[in-house]
Amino acid sequence: MNPSTASSRKTAATNPVEAQDWTDRRATAQAHRAASARNSSSRRRFVDPTTCERDYTQAEREFMQAMQEYKQRSGRMFPTWSEVLEVLRELGYQKP
């Protein structure tokens, strides 16, 4: 590495304003694009029912408990749909 290259790298590293300007401009532009996309989308935001305060039916509580037990037993935080179907069948559900 020649001395002029080392000097220019050291200057850029010690001048946080230049690095910050570039990073902030890029992050700001990205944030504006994301906000614009969110605002123009007519989709409803997903609301996780487990975070809502409501009364669950006995069947819903039984299913949520069975899913929680399956996740603990299998060590899988995000079961596949096949695994969800397996839990439902273990609970006795079947297609009529």
Protein backbone atom coordinates (compact mmCIF):
# COMPACT_ATOMS: atom_id res chain seq x y z
CA MET A 1 0.00 0.00 0.00
CA ASN A 2 1.50 3.35 -0.94
CA PRO A 3 1.55 6.27 1.52
CA SER A 4 -1.00 8.37 -0.38
CA THR A 5 -3.57 5.55 -0.27
CA ALA A 6 -3.04 5.03 3.42
CA SER A 7 -3.33 8.77 3.99
CA SER A 8 -6.62 9.06 2.07
CA ARG A 9 -8.12 6.09 3.91
CA LYS A 10 -7.09 7.56 7.24
CA THR A 11 -8.62 10.93 6.30
CA ALA A 12 -11.93 9.32 5.29
CA ALA A 13 -12.01 7.27 8.47
CA THR A 14 -11.27 10.29 10.68
CA ASN A 15 -13.79 12.53 8.90
CA PRO A 16 -17.12 11.18 10.16
CA VAL A 17 -19.10 13.97 8.49
CA GLU A 18 -18.37 12.66 4.97
CA ALA A 19 -19.24 9.07 5.88
CA GLN A 20 -22.31 10.17 7.83
CA ASP A 21 -23.61 12.33 4.96
CA TRP A 22 -23.43 9.42 2.53
CA THR A 23 -24.99 6.95 4.96
CA ASP A 24 -27.76 9.32 6.04
CA ARG A 25 -28.70 10.27 2.49
CA ARG A 26 -28.90 6.65 1.43
CA ALA A 27 -30.83 5.54 4.52
CA THR A 28 -33.17 8.52 4.25
CA ALA A 29 -33.93 7.80 0.60
CA GLN A 30 -34.58 4.14 1.42
CA ALA A 31 -36.86 5.08 4.32
CA HIS A 32 -38.83 7.47 2.12
CA ARG A 33 -39.32 4.79 -0.53
CA ALA A 34 -40.47 2.28 2.08
CA ALA A 35 -42.90 4.75 3.66
CA SER A 36 -44.28 5.66 0.25
CA ALA A 37 -44.83 2.00 -0.60
CA ARG A 38 -46.58 1.38 2.73
CA ASN A 39 -48.86 4.39 2.31
CA SER A 40 -49.82 3.54 -1.26
CA SER A 41 -50.63 -0.07 -0.40
CA SER A 42 -54.29 -0.74 0.29
CA ARG A 43 -53.52 -3.95 2.16
CA ARG A 44 -54.56 -4.20 5.76
CA ARG A 45 -51.79 -4.60 8.26
CA PHE A 46 -51.56 -8.07 9.77
CA VAL A 47 -52.71 -8.13 13.35
CA ASP A 48 -51.49 -11.14 15.29
CA PRO A 49 -54.51 -12.56 17.14
CA THR A 50 -52.32 -13.75 19.99
CA THR A 51 -51.53 -10.12 20.83
CA CYS A 52 -55.17 -9.02 20.85
CA GLU A 53 -57.16 -9.05 24.02
CA ARG A 54 -60.17 -11.21 23.35
CA ASP A 55 -61.87 -14.31 24.66
CA TYR A 56 -60.83 -17.47 22.87
CA THR A 57 -63.11 -20.44 22.44
CA GLN A 58 -62.18 -23.72 24.06
CA ALA A 59 -61.19 -25.14 20.64
CA GLU A 60 -58.93 -22.14 19.92
CA ARG A 61 -57.19 -22.44 23.29
CA GLU A 62 -56.77 -26.18 22.79
CA PHE A 63 -55.24 -25.65 19.34
CA MET A 64 -52.89 -22.87 20.52
CA GLN A 65 -51.75 -25.05 23.43
CA ALA A 66 -51.19 -28.03 21.12
CA MET A 67 -49.15 -25.86 18.73
CA GLN A 68 -47.06 -24.51 21.60
CA GLU A 69 -46.39 -28.03 22.88
CA TYR A 70 -45.45 -29.17 19.36
CA LYS A 71 -43.02 -26.26 18.96
CA GLN A 72 -41.38 -27.06 22.29
CA ARG A 73 -41.25 -30.79 21.59
CA SER A 74 -39.87 -30.43 18.06
CA GLY A 75 -37.62 -27.45 18.73
CA ARG A 76 -39.10 -25.71 15.68
CA MET A 77 -40.16 -22.14 16.22
CA PHE A 78 -41.99 -21.90 12.88
CA PRO A 79 -43.74 -25.17 11.96
CA THR A 80 -44.56 -25.91 8.35
CA TRP A 81 -48.16 -26.24 7.22
CA SER A 82 -47.69 -30.02 7.09
CA GLU A 83 -46.70 -29.95 10.74
CA VAL A 84 -49.73 -27.78 11.60
CA LEU A 85 -51.93 -30.33 9.86
CA GLU A 86 -50.21 -33.08 11.86
CA VAL A 87 -51.05 -31.25 15.11
CA LEU A 88 -54.67 -30.85 14.00
CA ARG A 89 -54.93 -34.57 13.25
CA GLU A 90 -53.43 -35.39 16.66
CA LEU A 91 -56.24 -33.31 18.15
CA GLY A 92 -58.75 -35.49 16.29
CA TYR A 93 -59.73 -33.15 13.47
CA GLN A 94 -60.46 -34.73 10.10
CA LYS A 95 -61.91 -33.60 6.82
CA PRO A 96 -65.57 -34.64 6.55
